[in-house]
Amino acid sequence: MRGPPSDTPNLDDVLARDFAELKVGEKNIKSESTPEPEREKTTESTAPRVYNQRIDAVEDRTSFAVKAPISKPDKSTATPSSKAPPTVLKSPSAQPGDDFDVEW
């Protein structure tokens, strides 16, 4: 039983329309397919892939080169022992109730 006509879609009508499109079949559906560019064939693609296998790596190099580390400029005048000790105040510089300026 159908109700009075309205602007809102009816679920039964929408499902009937969409399932009718499915009954057409995949062979009759026209889709725009773009041809894929040919991939270069490599030896890796021809060999079957084997997963979860143990790999034993053997190092056969006799020597290797390492770049020298970048050194920071030497500051012989500014050593930690030559710094002045911080000044310790006897009381805090701000007291409860002091007004202070805050920039928003």
N, C-alpha and C. Protein backbone atom coordinates (compact mmCIF):
# COMPACT_ATOMS: atom_id res chain seq x y z
N MET A 1 0.84 -1.16 0.00
CA MET A 1 0.00 0.00 0.00
C MET A 1 0.90 1.23 0.00
N ARG A 2 0.63 2.16 -0.88
CA ARG A 2 1.44 3.36 -1.00
C ARG A 2 0.70 4.53 -0.40
N GLY A 3 1.48 5.42 0.16
CA GLY A 3 0.90 6.61 0.76
C GLY A 3 0.70 7.69 -0.28
N PRO A 4 0.29 8.86 0.15
CA PRO A 4 0.10 9.97 -0.80
C PRO A 4 1.45 10.40 -1.38
N PRO A 5 1.46 10.93 -2.61
CA PRO A 5 2.74 11.34 -3.22
C PRO A 5 3.39 12.47 -2.42
N SER A 6 4.72 12.40 -2.32
CA SER A 6 5.45 13.43 -1.59
C SER A 6 6.79 13.66 -2.29
N ASP A 7 7.49 14.71 -1.87
CA ASP A 7 8.79 15.03 -2.46
C ASP A 7 9.91 14.16 -1.91
N THR A 8 9.73 13.56 -0.77
CA THR A 8 10.77 12.72 -0.19
C THR A 8 10.78 11.37 -0.88
N PRO A 9 11.97 10.79 -1.10
CA PRO A 9 12.03 9.50 -1.80
C PRO A 9 11.51 8.38 -0.92
N ASN A 10 10.89 7.42 -1.54
CA ASN A 10 10.36 6.25 -0.85
C ASN A 10 11.44 5.17 -0.90
N LEU A 11 11.67 4.50 0.19
CA LEU A 11 12.72 3.49 0.27
C LEU A 11 12.46 2.36 -0.71
N ASP A 12 11.22 1.91 -0.83
CA ASP A 12 10.91 0.81 -1.74
C ASP A 12 11.20 1.20 -3.19
N ASP A 13 10.86 2.42 -3.58
CA ASP A 13 11.10 2.86 -4.95
C ASP A 13 12.60 2.97 -5.25
N VAL A 14 13.35 3.50 -4.30
CA VAL A 14 14.79 3.66 -4.49
C VAL A 14 15.46 2.29 -4.60
N LEU A 15 15.10 1.35 -3.72
CA LEU A 15 15.69 0.03 -3.77
C LEU A 15 15.32 -0.70 -5.07
N ALA A 16 14.09 -0.56 -5.50
CA ALA A 16 13.66 -1.22 -6.74
C ALA A 16 14.45 -0.67 -7.93
N ARG A 17 14.65 0.66 -7.97
CA ARG A 17 15.38 1.27 -9.07
C ARG A 17 16.84 0.81 -9.07
N ASP A 18 17.49 0.81 -7.88
CA ASP A 18 18.90 0.46 -7.81
C ASP A 18 19.14 -1.02 -8.09
N PHE A 19 18.25 -1.88 -7.61
CA PHE A 19 18.42 -3.30 -7.89
C PHE A 19 18.13 -3.62 -9.34
N ALA A 20 17.31 -2.83 -10.00
CA ALA A 20 17.07 -3.04 -11.43
C ALA A 20 18.35 -2.79 -12.21
N GLU A 21 19.18 -1.82 -11.76
CA GLU A 21 20.46 -1.57 -12.41
C GLU A 21 21.41 -2.74 -12.21
N LEU A 22 21.32 -3.41 -11.08
CA LEU A 22 22.19 -4.55 -10.82
C LEU A 22 21.83 -5.74 -11.69
N LYS A 23 20.56 -5.86 -12.07
CA LYS A 23 20.12 -6.99 -12.87
C LYS A 23 20.60 -6.91 -14.31
N VAL A 24 21.14 -5.77 -14.72
CA VAL A 24 21.63 -5.61 -16.09
C VAL A 24 22.78 -6.58 -16.35
N GLY A 25 23.62 -6.79 -15.37
CA GLY A 25 24.75 -7.71 -15.53
C GLY A 25 26.03 -6.95 -15.76
N GLU A 26 27.13 -7.55 -15.33
CA GLU A 26 28.43 -6.90 -15.45
C GLU A 26 28.89 -6.82 -16.89
N LYS A 27 28.46 -7.74 -17.74
CA LYS A 27 28.90 -7.74 -19.13
C LYS A 27 28.33 -6.55 -19.90
N ASN A 28 27.17 -6.07 -19.50
CA ASN A 28 26.52 -4.99 -20.22
C ASN A 28 26.87 -3.61 -19.67
N ILE A 29 27.56 -3.55 -18.53
CA ILE A 29 27.92 -2.27 -17.94
C ILE A 29 29.11 -1.72 -18.70
N LYS A 30 28.98 -0.49 -19.16
CA LYS A 30 30.06 0.16 -19.88
C LYS A 30 30.87 1.00 -18.90
N SER A 31 32.13 0.71 -18.78
CA SER A 31 32.99 1.48 -17.89
C SER A 31 34.16 2.01 -18.69
N GLU A 32 34.60 3.18 -18.32
CA GLU A 32 35.73 3.80 -19.00
C GLU A 32 37.01 3.33 -18.32
N SER A 33 37.73 2.47 -18.99
CA SER A 33 38.98 1.98 -18.41
C SER A 33 40.14 2.63 -19.15
N THR A 34 41.12 3.06 -18.39
CA THR A 34 42.31 3.67 -18.97
C THR A 34 43.37 2.60 -19.10
N PRO A 35 44.05 2.54 -20.22
CA PRO A 35 45.10 1.52 -20.36
C PRO A 35 46.27 1.84 -19.43
N GLU A 36 46.74 0.80 -18.75
CA GLU A 36 47.86 0.99 -17.82
C GLU A 36 49.17 1.01 -18.62
N PRO A 37 50.09 1.88 -18.25
CA PRO A 37 51.39 1.89 -18.94
C PRO A 37 52.14 0.60 -18.62
N GLU A 38 52.90 0.14 -19.59
CA GLU A 38 53.64 -1.10 -19.40
C GLU A 38 54.75 -0.90 -18.37
N ARG A 39 54.81 -1.80 -17.46
CA ARG A 39 55.84 -1.73 -16.42
C ARG A 39 57.08 -2.44 -16.91
N GLU A 40 58.21 -1.93 -16.48
CA GLU A 40 59.47 -2.55 -16.86
C GLU A 40 59.59 -3.89 -16.15
N LYS A 41 59.98 -4.88 -16.89
CA LYS A 41 60.14 -6.20 -16.30
C LYS A 41 61.51 -6.28 -15.65
N THR A 42 61.51 -6.69 -14.41
CA THR A 42 62.77 -6.84 -13.69
C THR A 42 62.89 -8.29 -13.24
N THR A 43 64.05 -8.63 -12.79
CA THR A 43 64.26 -10.00 -12.31
C THR A 43 63.46 -10.25 -11.05
N GLU A 44 63.19 -9.19 -10.29
CA GLU A 44 62.44 -9.34 -9.06
C GLU A 44 61.00 -9.73 -9.35
N SER A 45 60.44 -9.17 -10.42
CA SER A 45 59.04 -9.47 -10.72
C SER A 45 58.88 -10.88 -11.28
N THR A 46 59.91 -11.45 -11.88
CA THR A 46 59.79 -12.79 -12.43
C THR A 46 60.02 -13.85 -11.37
N ALA A 47 60.79 -13.54 -10.34
CA ALA A 47 61.05 -14.51 -9.28
C ALA A 47 59.88 -14.50 -8.30
N PRO A 48 59.49 -15.65 -7.80
CA PRO A 48 58.39 -15.66 -6.83
C PRO A 48 58.84 -15.03 -5.52
N ARG A 49 57.92 -14.34 -4.88
CA ARG A 49 58.25 -13.70 -3.60
C ARG A 49 58.08 -14.69 -2.47
N VAL A 50 59.05 -14.70 -1.60
CA VAL A 50 59.00 -15.59 -0.45
C VAL A 50 58.99 -14.71 0.79
N TYR A 51 58.00 -14.91 1.63
CA TYR A 51 57.85 -14.10 2.83
C TYR A 51 58.20 -14.92 4.06
N ASN A 52 58.51 -14.19 5.13
CA ASN A 52 58.77 -14.78 6.44
C ASN A 52 59.90 -15.80 6.38
N GLN A 53 60.97 -15.43 5.71
CA GLN A 53 62.14 -16.29 5.62
C GLN A 53 63.31 -15.63 6.31
N ARG A 54 64.21 -16.42 6.85
CA ARG A 54 65.39 -15.89 7.52
C ARG A 54 66.43 -15.51 6.47
N ILE A 55 67.03 -14.34 6.65
CA ILE A 55 68.06 -13.87 5.73
C ILE A 55 69.37 -13.78 6.50
N ASP A 56 70.36 -14.50 6.03
CA ASP A 56 71.68 -14.45 6.66
C ASP A 56 72.56 -13.52 5.83
N ALA A 57 72.86 -12.35 6.38
CA ALA A 57 73.70 -11.39 5.68
C ALA A 57 75.15 -11.61 6.08
N VAL A 58 76.02 -11.57 5.11
CA VAL A 58 77.45 -11.77 5.35
C VAL A 58 78.15 -10.48 4.92
N GLU A 59 78.95 -9.91 5.82
CA GLU A 59 79.69 -8.69 5.53
C GLU A 59 81.02 -9.08 4.90
N ASP A 60 81.24 -8.63 3.66
CA ASP A 60 82.48 -8.99 2.98
C ASP A 60 83.37 -7.78 2.70
N ARG A 61 83.03 -6.62 3.24
CA ARG A 61 83.89 -5.45 3.05
C ARG A 61 85.10 -5.56 3.97
N THR A 62 86.23 -5.10 3.46
CA THR A 62 87.44 -5.10 4.29
C THR A 62 87.63 -3.78 5.00
N SER A 63 87.03 -2.69 4.46
CA SER A 63 87.14 -1.38 5.11
C SER A 63 85.96 -0.53 4.70
N PHE A 64 85.72 0.52 5.47
CA PHE A 64 84.68 1.47 5.12
C PHE A 64 85.09 2.84 5.60
N ALA A 65 84.53 3.90 4.99
CA ALA A 65 84.91 5.27 5.31
C ALA A 65 83.77 5.97 6.04
N VAL A 66 84.14 6.77 7.03
CA VAL A 66 83.17 7.55 7.80
C VAL A 66 83.58 9.00 7.72
N LYS A 67 82.61 9.89 7.49
CA LYS A 67 82.93 11.32 7.44
C LYS A 67 83.28 11.81 8.83
N ALA A 68 84.16 12.79 8.88
CA ALA A 68 84.56 13.36 10.16
C ALA A 68 83.39 14.16 10.74
N PRO A 69 83.18 14.09 12.04
CA PRO A 69 82.07 14.84 12.63
C PRO A 69 82.32 16.34 12.53
N ILE A 70 81.25 17.08 12.41
CA ILE A 70 81.35 18.53 12.34
C ILE A 70 81.60 19.05 13.76
N SER A 71 82.68 19.75 13.93
CA SER A 71 83.01 20.23 15.26
C SER A 71 82.48 21.64 15.45
N LYS A 72 82.06 21.92 16.67
CA LYS A 72 81.57 23.25 17.01
C LYS A 72 82.77 24.15 17.30
N PRO A 73 82.60 25.46 17.10
CA PRO A 73 83.72 26.35 17.40
C PRO A 73 84.10 26.27 18.88
N ASP A 74 85.39 26.27 19.13
CA ASP A 74 85.90 26.15 20.50
C ASP A 74 85.75 27.48 21.23
N LYS A 75 85.04 27.44 22.33
CA LYS A 75 84.87 28.66 23.15
C LYS A 75 85.65 28.45 24.44
N SER A 76 86.91 28.73 24.37
CA SER A 76 87.76 28.50 25.55
C SER A 76 87.49 29.53 26.65
N THR A 77 86.96 30.70 26.29
CA THR A 77 86.71 31.73 27.31
C THR A 77 85.42 31.47 28.07
N ALA A 78 84.47 30.78 27.47
CA ALA A 78 83.18 30.56 28.13
C ALA A 78 83.10 29.11 28.59
N THR A 79 83.71 28.80 29.70
CA THR A 79 83.63 27.47 30.26
C THR A 79 82.63 27.50 31.41
N PRO A 80 82.06 26.38 31.75
CA PRO A 80 81.06 26.38 32.83
C PRO A 80 81.62 26.85 34.16
N SER A 81 82.90 26.66 34.41
CA SER A 81 83.45 27.08 35.71
C SER A 81 83.66 28.59 35.77
N SER A 82 83.76 29.28 34.63
CA SER A 82 84.00 30.72 34.66
C SER A 82 82.71 31.53 34.74
N LYS A 83 81.55 30.90 34.68
CA LYS A 83 80.28 31.64 34.78
C LYS A 83 80.07 32.10 36.21
N ALA A 84 79.47 33.27 36.35
CA ALA A 84 79.18 33.79 37.68
C ALA A 84 78.00 33.02 38.26
N PRO A 85 78.06 32.75 39.56
CA PRO A 85 76.93 32.03 40.17
C PRO A 85 75.67 32.90 40.16
N PRO A 86 74.51 32.30 40.06
CA PRO A 86 73.28 33.10 40.03
C PRO A 86 73.04 33.79 41.37
N THR A 87 72.42 34.96 41.30
CA THR A 87 72.13 35.69 42.54
C THR A 87 70.84 35.15 43.15
N VAL A 88 70.87 34.94 44.46
CA VAL A 88 69.71 34.41 45.17
C VAL A 88 69.13 35.54 46.02
N LEU A 89 67.85 35.83 45.82
CA LEU A 89 67.19 36.89 46.58
C LEU A 89 66.68 36.35 47.90
N LYS A 90 66.56 37.22 48.89
CA LYS A 90 66.07 36.80 50.19
C LYS A 90 64.56 36.65 50.20
N SER A 91 63.88 37.40 49.34
CA SER A 91 62.42 37.30 49.27
C SER A 91 62.00 37.37 47.81
N PRO A 92 60.84 36.89 47.46
CA PRO A 92 60.39 36.95 46.08
C PRO A 92 60.21 38.38 45.61
N SER A 93 60.41 38.59 44.31
CA SER A 93 60.29 39.95 43.77
C SER A 93 58.83 40.38 43.67
N ALA A 94 57.89 39.45 43.62
CA ALA A 94 56.47 39.78 43.56
C ALA A 94 55.79 39.26 44.82
N GLN A 95 54.89 40.04 45.34
CA GLN A 95 54.15 39.67 46.54
C GLN A 95 52.69 39.45 46.17
N PRO A 96 51.96 38.68 46.94
CA PRO A 96 50.53 38.50 46.66
C PRO A 96 49.81 39.84 46.73
N GLY A 97 48.96 40.11 45.76
CA GLY A 97 48.23 41.37 45.70
C GLY A 97 48.87 42.40 44.81
N ASP A 98 50.10 42.15 44.30
CA ASP A 98 50.75 43.10 43.39
C ASP A 98 50.02 43.13 42.05
N ASP A 99 49.96 44.31 41.46
CA ASP A 99 49.40 44.45 40.12
C ASP A 99 50.48 44.16 39.11
N PHE A 100 50.13 43.50 38.03
CA PHE A 100 51.09 43.27 36.97
C PHE A 100 50.38 43.37 35.63
N ASP A 101 51.14 43.69 34.60
CA ASP A 101 50.59 43.92 33.25
C ASP A 101 50.72 42.65 32.43
N VAL A 102 49.62 42.30 31.79
CA VAL A 102 49.61 41.10 30.94
C VAL A 102 49.17 41.52 29.55
N GLU A 103 49.94 41.14 28.54
CA GLU A 103 49.56 41.43 27.16
C GLU A 103 48.80 40.24 26.60
N TRP A 104 47.65 40.51 26.01
CA TRP A 104 46.83 39.43 25.45
C TRP A 104 47.06 39.31 24.00
